[in-house]
Amino acid sequence: MKLADLEVLVVAAPPPGWGGRYWQFVKVTTACGIVGWGEVYAAAVGPATMEAVIRDVFERHMAGESPENVELMFRRAYSSGFTQRPDPTVMGAFSGLEIACWDVVGKARERPVWALLGGRMNDRLRAYTYLYPRPGQDAVAFFHDAEAHGQEAARRVEEDGFTALKVDPAGPYTIRGGHQPAMRDIARSVAFCREIRAAVGDRADLLFGTHGQFTPAGALRLAAAIEPYAPLWFEEPVPPDDVAAMAQVARGTSLPVATGERLTTKADFAPLLAARAVSIVQPATGRSGGLWETKKIAALAEAAGAQVAPHLYAGPVEWAANVHLAATCPNLLMVETIGTGGDFHRALIGEAIRFEAGCLIPPEGPGLGIEVDETVARAHPWRGEGLHLQMQEAPCNYAEENVFAGGAPPRPE
């Protein structure tokens, strides 16, 4: 059983595009005809360039190798070019390909991936979702409307059974260094927390997201303002590679600090855990090094008294990989989903991953337990110019509202 062929599909998520503008799937095929699917969550370069990186990693480090030898292939990619350090683009490419290897091996052994990673520790995975506007609602207006978020939170708890809900009202997300939050951003954050807590009471946890945009002092000002509403976590309050800053925030607030979506490999996570700078790690398996490396990250977290909450703002293949990982983790907190599964996610992989009363049920089928509908995937090619997600160039506005359109900003064509 040797890795032989590779195809890369860049699939455009239809509007409103929850999960990002596009998703990068990899389809690997062995010489004996077994197909495995993976997903790359790395987009610092455009899809055409990223496809070239994916192909280079495959051909240089993986083609002709047994898909079982993920440790060997990881070390080749990690050390490529005499580096032996985590390059997020290279490791993102490898991550998607490595997920596909596990899909192949599971299919060859006729066992689900979770059974190959230590077995099923968790039969039901507590799920959380961002609060998204309903069809027809204006996204920009929704993401600035605390009352609408309270209403949507109540609906998600009552109708879907969610016990954790996430918001990130404290933009902007800029290319500049960390900043102090504007008073309007602090006030909006407090209003969101107040409305959601009033709407759901103690039936659900509130998860407060940011994207590394604050200085430590700015993050602590915001944390103090929202602390009365008891968020379960304060996500990535400062740039995640600044261990000292993250530790400063963790020491200065009672809120658990979480981070991980922008980190890759245990080399990025280990210093944060060693410094007790985070209580919750959020690896994205399509960027963090693949399933085997992320299992190691989860073990590091367990030893440091931290929990795991796999991150998802991507497509359904990474979602499936996250679910298999989560099923094996004794220190699992919860796993991210998009709504109850995401309409386009479901269109691509069907109902193999079930959602029941706020929980995801790990699939029982071989490999990842999913099959990508290639007809649907090929009918939605990405033809735009933007990246999966983008930050703004303008600095924080202290005189007027900072407008943030949520996770699916208008598409530059």
Protein backbone atom coordinates (compact mmCIF):
# COMPACT_ATOMS: atom_id res chain seq x y z
CA MET A 1 0.00 0.00 0.00
CA LYS A 2 1.85 3.08 -1.30
CA LEU A 3 0.79 6.67 -1.87
CA ALA A 4 0.60 7.25 -5.60
CA ASP A 5 -1.65 10.08 -6.79
CA LEU A 6 -2.82 13.46 -5.55
CA GLU A 7 -5.60 15.82 -6.58
CA VAL A 8 -6.28 19.21 -4.97
CA LEU A 9 -9.80 20.68 -5.06
CA VAL A 10 -10.38 24.29 -4.03
CA VAL A 11 -14.08 24.54 -3.26
CA ALA A 12 -15.91 27.85 -2.90
CA ALA A 13 -18.33 28.02 0.01
CA PRO A 14 -21.56 29.56 -1.32
CA PRO A 15 -22.78 32.77 0.35
CA PRO A 16 -22.92 33.54 3.19
CA GLY A 17 -19.73 31.49 3.33
CA TRP A 18 -19.65 30.34 6.95
CA GLY A 19 -16.42 28.46 7.29
CA GLY A 20 -14.43 30.82 5.07
CA ARG A 21 -14.45 31.83 1.42
CA TYR A 22 -13.03 28.52 0.18
CA TRP A 23 -11.83 25.12 1.38
CA GLN A 24 -8.77 23.22 0.18
CA PHE A 25 -9.41 19.49 -0.10
CA VAL A 26 -6.79 16.88 -0.96
CA LYS A 27 -7.65 13.54 -2.52
CA VAL A 28 -4.87 10.97 -2.31
CA THR A 29 -4.99 7.58 -3.96
CA THR A 30 -2.78 4.59 -3.27
CA ALA A 31 -1.27 2.37 -5.92
CA CYS A 32 -3.87 -0.25 -4.96
CA GLY A 33 -6.75 2.19 -5.49
CA ILE A 34 -7.75 3.29 -1.97
CA VAL A 35 -8.83 6.93 -1.81
CA GLY A 36 -8.29 9.16 1.21
CA TRP A 37 -9.54 12.70 1.82
CA GLY A 38 -7.90 15.48 3.79
CA GLU A 39 -8.25 19.24 4.18
CA VAL A 40 -5.61 21.95 4.41
CA TYR A 41 -6.37 24.84 6.76
CA ALA A 42 -3.60 27.22 5.73
CA ALA A 43 -4.11 30.21 3.49
CA ALA A 44 -1.38 32.80 3.93
CA VAL A 45 -0.92 32.49 0.16
CA GLY A 46 -3.48 32.16 -2.61
CA PRO A 47 -4.98 28.80 -3.59
CA ALA A 48 -2.85 28.34 -6.72
CA THR A 49 0.35 28.90 -4.76
CA MET A 50 -0.92 26.74 -1.92
CA GLU A 51 -1.69 23.94 -4.36
CA ALA A 52 1.92 24.10 -5.54
CA VAL A 53 3.08 23.80 -1.92
CA ILE A 54 0.77 20.85 -1.29
CA ARG A 55 2.04 19.09 -4.40
CA ASP A 56 5.66 19.76 -3.47
CA VAL A 57 5.18 18.37 0.04
CA PHE A 58 3.44 15.30 -1.34
CA GLU A 59 5.96 14.57 -4.08
CA ARG A 60 9.02 15.39 -1.98
CA HIS A 61 8.10 13.68 1.29
CA MET A 62 5.19 11.30 0.77
CA ALA A 63 4.78 9.85 -2.74
CA GLY A 64 5.70 6.17 -2.83
CA GLU A 65 5.57 5.92 0.97
CA SER A 66 3.20 3.77 3.01
CA PRO A 67 0.33 5.93 4.37
CA GLU A 68 0.95 4.22 7.72
CA ASN A 69 4.30 5.96 8.16
CA VAL A 70 2.93 9.31 9.28
CA GLU A 71 5.69 9.91 11.85
CA LEU A 72 8.40 9.46 9.24
CA MET A 73 6.63 11.70 6.73
CA PHE A 74 6.01 14.34 9.38
CA ARG A 75 9.70 14.45 10.28
CA ARG A 76 10.62 14.81 6.62
CA ALA A 77 8.25 17.75 6.12
CA TYR A 78 9.09 19.38 9.45
CA SER A 79 12.81 19.18 8.71
CA SER A 80 12.59 20.12 5.04
CA GLY A 81 15.16 22.62 3.87
CA PHE A 82 17.30 22.11 6.98
CA THR A 83 14.68 23.89 9.12
CA GLN A 84 13.29 21.64 11.87
CA ARG A 85 10.87 24.34 12.94
CA PRO A 86 7.13 24.83 12.32
CA ASP A 87 6.45 26.57 9.03
CA PRO A 88 2.66 27.17 9.02
CA THR A 89 2.32 26.92 5.23
CA VAL A 90 4.36 23.72 4.85
CA MET A 91 2.82 22.17 7.94
CA GLY A 92 -0.64 23.18 6.77
CA ALA A 93 -0.04 21.37 3.51
CA PHE A 94 1.28 18.33 5.35
CA SER A 95 -1.63 18.39 7.80
CA GLY A 96 -4.24 17.93 5.09
CA LEU A 97 -2.21 15.19 3.42
CA GLU A 98 -1.65 13.43 6.75
CA ILE A 99 -5.40 13.44 7.48
CA ALA A 100 -5.90 11.77 4.09
CA CYS A 101 -3.37 9.09 5.07
CA TRP A 102 -5.41 8.21 8.15
CA ASP A 103 -8.52 8.03 5.98
CA VAL A 104 -6.71 5.56 3.71
CA VAL A 105 -5.40 3.43 6.57
CA GLY A 106 -8.80 3.30 8.24
CA LYS A 107 -10.44 2.20 5.01
CA ALA A 108 -7.75 -0.44 4.45
CA ARG A 109 -8.24 -1.78 7.99
CA GLU A 110 -12.02 -1.30 7.84
CA ARG A 111 -11.93 0.69 11.08
CA PRO A 112 -12.77 4.32 11.94
CA VAL A 113 -9.81 6.63 12.45
CA TRP A 114 -10.65 7.11 16.14
CA ALA A 115 -10.07 3.38 16.66
CA LEU A 116 -6.52 3.77 15.32
CA LEU A 117 -5.70 6.75 17.56
CA GLY A 118 -6.29 5.10 20.92
CA GLY A 119 -9.94 4.21 20.71
CA ARG A 120 -13.12 5.99 21.59
CA MET A 121 -12.94 7.78 24.91
CA ASN A 122 -16.01 9.92 24.26
CA ASP A 123 -19.26 8.61 22.77
CA ARG A 124 -20.81 12.07 22.57
CA LEU A 125 -18.84 15.24 21.90
CA ARG A 126 -20.11 18.47 23.41
CA ALA A 127 -20.38 20.95 20.52
CA TYR A 128 -20.34 24.71 20.26
CA THR A 129 -21.10 27.12 17.47
CA TYR A 130 -20.71 30.77 16.68
CA LEU A 131 -23.97 32.66 16.65
CA TYR A 132 -24.73 33.30 12.98
CA PRO A 133 -27.46 35.43 11.39
CA ARG A 134 -30.48 33.63 10.06
CA PRO A 135 -31.07 33.50 6.29
CA GLY A 136 -32.11 36.92 5.09
CA GLN A 137 -30.59 38.82 8.00
CA ASP A 138 -27.98 41.45 7.18
CA ALA A 139 -24.66 40.06 8.46
CA VAL A 140 -23.03 43.40 9.27
CA ALA A 141 -26.09 44.53 11.20
CA PHE A 142 -26.38 41.21 13.02
CA PHE A 143 -22.77 41.17 14.16
CA HIS A 144 -23.28 44.56 15.82
CA ASP A 145 -26.66 43.80 17.40
CA ALA A 146 -26.47 42.53 20.97
CA GLU A 147 -30.22 41.99 21.25
CA ALA A 148 -30.27 39.89 18.07
CA HIS A 149 -27.47 37.77 19.50
CA GLY A 150 -29.44 37.19 22.67
CA GLN A 151 -32.45 36.06 20.63
CA GLU A 152 -30.32 33.74 18.49
CA ALA A 153 -28.62 32.33 21.58
CA ALA A 154 -31.97 31.43 23.13
CA ARG A 155 -33.08 29.79 19.89
CA ARG A 156 -29.89 27.72 19.62
CA VAL A 157 -30.26 26.50 23.19
CA GLU A 158 -33.97 25.76 23.00
CA GLU A 159 -34.17 24.30 19.49
CA ASP A 160 -30.76 22.64 19.07
CA GLY A 161 -29.68 21.92 22.63
CA PHE A 162 -26.36 23.76 22.47
CA THR A 163 -24.69 24.24 25.86
CA ALA A 164 -21.97 26.59 24.60
CA LEU A 165 -22.13 29.53 22.19
CA LYS A 166 -19.41 31.79 20.83
CA VAL A 167 -19.23 35.46 19.85
CA ASP A 168 -16.40 37.84 18.89
CA PRO A 169 -17.82 41.39 18.96
CA ALA A 170 -14.59 43.19 19.91
CA GLY A 171 -13.02 43.90 16.51
CA PRO A 172 -11.31 45.16 14.49
CA TYR A 173 -8.87 42.53 13.26
CA THR A 174 -6.05 44.49 11.70
CA ILE A 175 -2.63 43.86 10.18
CA ARG A 176 -1.16 46.19 12.80
CA GLY A 177 0.26 45.18 16.15
CA GLY A 178 -1.74 44.81 19.32
CA HIS A 179 -3.91 47.74 20.25
CA GLN A 180 -6.04 49.02 23.11
CA PRO A 181 -9.74 48.32 22.53
CA ALA A 182 -11.91 51.30 21.76
CA MET A 183 -14.46 52.14 24.44
CA ARG A 184 -17.22 51.40 21.92
CA ASP A 185 -15.76 47.90 21.44
CA ILE A 186 -15.67 47.33 25.19
CA ALA A 187 -19.24 48.59 25.56
CA ARG A 188 -20.43 46.38 22.68
CA SER A 189 -18.70 43.36 24.22
CA VAL A 190 -20.37 43.96 27.55
CA ALA A 191 -23.76 44.38 25.85
CA PHE A 192 -23.34 41.10 23.95
CA CYS A 193 -22.39 39.21 27.08
CA ARG A 194 -25.23 40.77 29.07
CA GLU A 195 -27.88 39.98 26.45
CA ILE A 196 -26.73 36.42 25.89
CA ARG A 197 -26.43 35.65 29.59
CA ALA A 198 -29.91 37.08 30.17
CA ALA A 199 -31.28 34.99 27.31
CA VAL A 200 -29.77 31.62 28.25
CA GLY A 201 -29.11 31.95 31.98
CA ASP A 202 -27.11 28.99 33.21
CA ARG A 203 -28.23 26.70 30.38
CA ALA A 204 -25.20 27.48 28.21
CA ASP A 205 -21.63 28.69 28.48
CA LEU A 206 -20.58 31.88 26.76
CA LEU A 207 -17.36 31.71 24.75
CA PHE A 208 -15.69 35.04 24.03
CA GLY A 209 -13.50 35.12 20.93
CA THR A 210 -10.87 37.56 19.82
CA HIS A 211 -8.10 37.09 17.25
CA GLY A 212 -4.90 38.15 18.94
CA GLN A 213 -5.51 41.83 18.34
CA PHE A 214 -4.84 43.37 21.77
CA THR A 215 -1.88 44.38 23.87
CA PRO A 216 -1.77 42.59 27.23
CA ALA A 217 -3.02 45.73 28.98
CA GLY A 218 -5.82 46.15 26.45
CA ALA A 219 -6.82 42.51 26.79
CA LEU A 220 -6.98 42.82 30.57
CA ARG A 221 -9.21 45.91 30.35
CA LEU A 222 -11.62 43.98 28.15
CA ALA A 223 -11.46 40.88 30.35
CA ALA A 224 -12.34 42.92 33.44
CA ALA A 225 -15.36 44.38 31.66
CA ILE A 226 -16.84 41.01 30.61
CA GLU A 227 -15.78 39.02 33.69
CA PRO A 228 -19.14 39.47 35.48
CA TYR A 229 -20.81 37.37 32.77
CA ALA A 230 -18.50 34.38 33.42
CA PRO A 231 -17.33 33.46 29.91
CA LEU A 232 -15.93 29.94 29.81
CA TRP A 233 -12.99 31.21 27.82
CA PHE A 234 -11.23 34.34 26.60
CA GLU A 235 -9.87 33.31 23.23
CA GLU A 236 -6.52 34.47 21.86
CA PRO A 237 -6.52 37.89 23.55
CA VAL A 238 -2.96 38.65 22.36
CA PRO A 239 -0.82 37.30 19.49
CA PRO A 240 -0.49 33.57 20.23
CA ASP A 241 3.25 33.40 19.60
CA ASP A 242 3.92 35.88 22.42
CA VAL A 243 4.13 33.47 25.33
CA ALA A 244 4.99 36.12 27.93
CA ALA A 245 2.05 38.30 26.89
CA MET A 246 -0.37 35.38 26.96
CA ALA A 247 0.89 34.39 30.42
CA GLN A 248 0.48 37.99 31.61
CA VAL A 249 -3.17 37.95 30.57
CA ALA A 250 -3.75 34.51 32.10
CA ARG A 251 -2.35 35.71 35.44
CA GLY A 252 -4.38 38.91 35.34
CA THR A 253 -7.87 37.51 34.82
CA SER A 254 -10.05 34.78 36.25
CA LEU A 255 -11.24 33.92 32.73
CA PRO A 256 -9.68 30.77 31.24
CA VAL A 257 -7.45 31.73 28.31
CA ALA A 258 -7.71 29.71 25.09
CA THR A 259 -5.71 29.70 21.87
CA GLY A 260 -4.59 27.47 19.03
CA GLU A 261 -6.23 28.02 15.64
CA ARG A 262 -3.18 29.87 14.29
CA LEU A 263 -0.56 27.60 15.83
CA THR A 264 1.06 24.57 14.29
CA THR A 265 2.79 21.53 15.82
CA LYS A 266 3.69 20.83 19.41
CA ALA A 267 6.62 23.26 19.06
CA ASP A 268 4.11 26.15 19.05
CA PHE A 269 1.85 24.78 21.77
CA ALA A 270 4.46 23.48 24.23
CA PRO A 271 5.84 26.86 25.40
CA LEU A 272 2.34 28.18 26.13
CA LEU A 273 1.47 25.08 28.11
CA ALA A 274 4.79 25.06 29.97
CA ALA A 275 4.22 28.69 30.99
CA ARG A 276 0.66 27.90 32.13
CA ALA A 277 -0.38 30.67 29.72
CA VAL A 278 -3.44 28.78 28.43
CA SER A 279 -6.10 26.59 29.98
CA ILE A 280 -7.66 25.46 26.70
CA VAL A 281 -5.89 24.57 23.44
CA GLN A 282 -7.74 24.88 20.13
CA PRO A 283 -5.76 23.10 17.44
CA ALA A 284 -7.12 22.99 13.89
CA THR A 285 -6.10 19.57 12.58
CA GLY A 286 -5.72 20.91 9.04
CA ARG A 287 -2.97 23.27 10.24
CA SER A 288 -1.59 21.85 13.50
CA GLY A 289 0.36 19.00 11.92
CA GLY A 290 -2.35 16.46 11.21
CA LEU A 291 -4.03 13.97 13.50
CA TRP A 292 -0.98 12.26 14.96
CA GLU A 293 0.78 15.52 15.82
CA THR A 294 -2.43 16.96 17.25
CA LYS A 295 -2.86 13.88 19.41
CA LYS A 296 0.56 14.72 20.86
CA ILE A 297 -0.54 18.32 21.45
CA ALA A 298 -3.57 17.01 23.32
CA ALA A 299 -1.29 14.83 25.46
CA LEU A 300 0.92 17.83 26.29
CA ALA A 301 -2.21 19.72 27.30
CA GLU A 302 -3.39 16.84 29.48
CA ALA A 303 -0.06 16.81 31.34
CA ALA A 304 -0.33 20.58 31.87
CA GLY A 305 -3.88 20.41 33.23
CA ALA A 306 -5.34 21.98 30.09
CA GLN A 307 -8.28 20.87 27.97
CA VAL A 308 -8.76 20.49 24.22
CA ALA A 309 -11.40 22.17 22.07
CA PRO A 310 -10.60 21.54 18.38
CA HIS A 311 -11.13 24.63 16.24
CA LEU A 312 -13.17 24.73 13.03
CA TYR A 313 -13.52 27.51 10.56
CA ALA A 314 -13.06 25.41 7.48
CA GLY A 315 -14.81 22.68 5.54
CA PRO A 316 -16.29 19.30 6.42
CA VAL A 317 -13.17 17.16 6.00
CA GLU A 318 -11.30 19.00 8.73
CA TRP A 319 -14.52 18.85 10.75
CA ALA A 320 -14.52 15.07 10.42
CA ALA A 321 -10.85 14.89 11.41
CA ASN A 322 -11.55 17.03 14.49
CA VAL A 323 -14.40 14.73 15.49
CA HIS A 324 -12.18 11.64 15.31
CA LEU A 325 -9.48 13.33 17.36
CA ALA A 326 -12.00 14.55 19.93
CA ALA A 327 -13.44 11.08 20.34
CA THR A 328 -10.07 9.88 21.67
CA CYS A 329 -9.15 12.70 24.08
CA PRO A 330 -9.65 12.21 27.84
CA ASN A 331 -9.16 15.97 28.30
CA LEU A 332 -11.74 17.01 25.71
CA LEU A 333 -13.73 20.13 26.57
CA MET A 334 -15.80 20.48 23.40
CA VAL A 335 -15.52 20.65 19.63
CA GLU A 336 -16.49 23.45 17.28
CA THR A 337 -19.17 23.04 14.65
CA ILE A 338 -20.91 25.45 12.30
CA GLY A 339 -24.53 25.56 13.39
CA THR A 340 -25.67 21.96 13.62
CA GLY A 341 -23.31 20.94 10.84
CA GLY A 342 -23.42 23.63 8.16
CA ASP A 343 -25.71 23.41 5.12
CA PHE A 344 -22.90 23.23 2.56
CA HIS A 345 -20.81 21.00 4.80
CA ARG A 346 -23.72 18.55 4.85
CA ALA A 347 -24.17 18.86 1.08
CA LEU A 348 -20.58 17.72 0.63
CA ILE A 349 -20.45 14.81 3.10
CA GLY A 350 -24.05 13.96 3.97
CA GLU A 351 -25.18 13.01 7.46
CA ALA A 352 -22.32 10.74 8.52
CA ILE A 353 -21.54 13.02 11.48
CA ARG A 354 -24.73 13.21 13.48
CA PHE A 355 -25.79 16.11 15.68
CA GLU A 356 -27.97 15.23 18.67
CA ALA A 357 -29.05 17.64 21.41
CA GLY A 358 -25.95 19.79 21.40
CA CYS A 359 -23.52 16.93 20.77
CA LEU A 360 -21.73 15.38 17.81
CA ILE A 361 -21.68 11.59 17.46
CA PRO A 362 -18.42 10.13 16.08
CA PRO A 363 -19.03 8.19 12.85
CA GLU A 364 -18.63 4.42 12.82
CA GLY A 365 -17.64 3.97 9.18
CA PRO A 366 -14.10 3.15 8.07
CA GLY A 367 -11.53 5.92 7.80
CA LEU A 368 -13.01 9.33 8.46
CA GLY A 369 -16.43 7.79 7.98
CA ILE A 370 -17.35 10.27 5.25
CA GLU A 371 -17.32 10.35 1.48
CA VAL A 372 -16.95 13.67 -0.29
CA ASP A 373 -19.57 14.23 -3.00
CA GLU A 374 -17.20 15.12 -5.81
CA THR A 375 -20.01 16.25 -8.09
CA VAL A 376 -21.01 18.91 -5.58
CA ALA A 377 -17.40 19.85 -4.83
CA ARG A 378 -16.48 20.26 -8.51
CA ALA A 379 -19.61 22.30 -9.15
CA HIS A 380 -18.32 25.00 -6.76
CA PRO A 381 -14.77 25.90 -7.84
CA TRP A 382 -13.14 28.94 -6.25
CA ARG A 383 -12.50 31.70 -8.78
CA GLY A 384 -11.97 34.71 -6.51
CA GLU A 385 -8.85 36.61 -5.58
CA GLY A 386 -9.23 36.93 -1.82
CA LEU A 387 -7.78 34.63 0.80
CA HIS A 388 -9.77 32.27 3.02
CA LEU A 389 -9.95 35.02 5.65
CA GLN A 390 -8.42 38.49 5.61
CA MET A 391 -7.59 41.22 8.10
CA GLN A 392 -8.13 44.91 7.51
CA GLU A 393 -5.32 47.41 6.96
CA ALA A 394 -7.02 50.35 8.67
CA PRO A 395 -6.21 50.75 12.38
CA CYS A 396 -8.71 50.62 15.22
CA ASN A 397 -11.14 53.52 14.94
CA TYR A 398 -11.49 55.39 18.23
CA ALA A 399 -13.86 58.06 16.90
CA GLU A 400 -16.51 55.91 15.18
CA GLU A 401 -17.81 52.35 15.21
CA ASN A 402 -15.45 49.57 14.17
CA VAL A 403 -17.45 47.64 11.59
CA PHE A 404 -16.77 43.91 11.34
CA ALA A 405 -18.85 41.66 9.11
CA GLY A 406 -18.20 38.46 11.00
CA GLY A 407 -16.46 35.42 9.59
CA ALA A 408 -17.62 35.93 6.01
CA PRO A 409 -16.76 39.50 4.96
CA PRO A 410 -17.66 40.72 1.47
CA ARG A 411 -15.75 38.87 -1.22
CA PRO A 412 -13.15 40.84 -3.18
CA GLU A 413 -13.38 39.61 -6.77
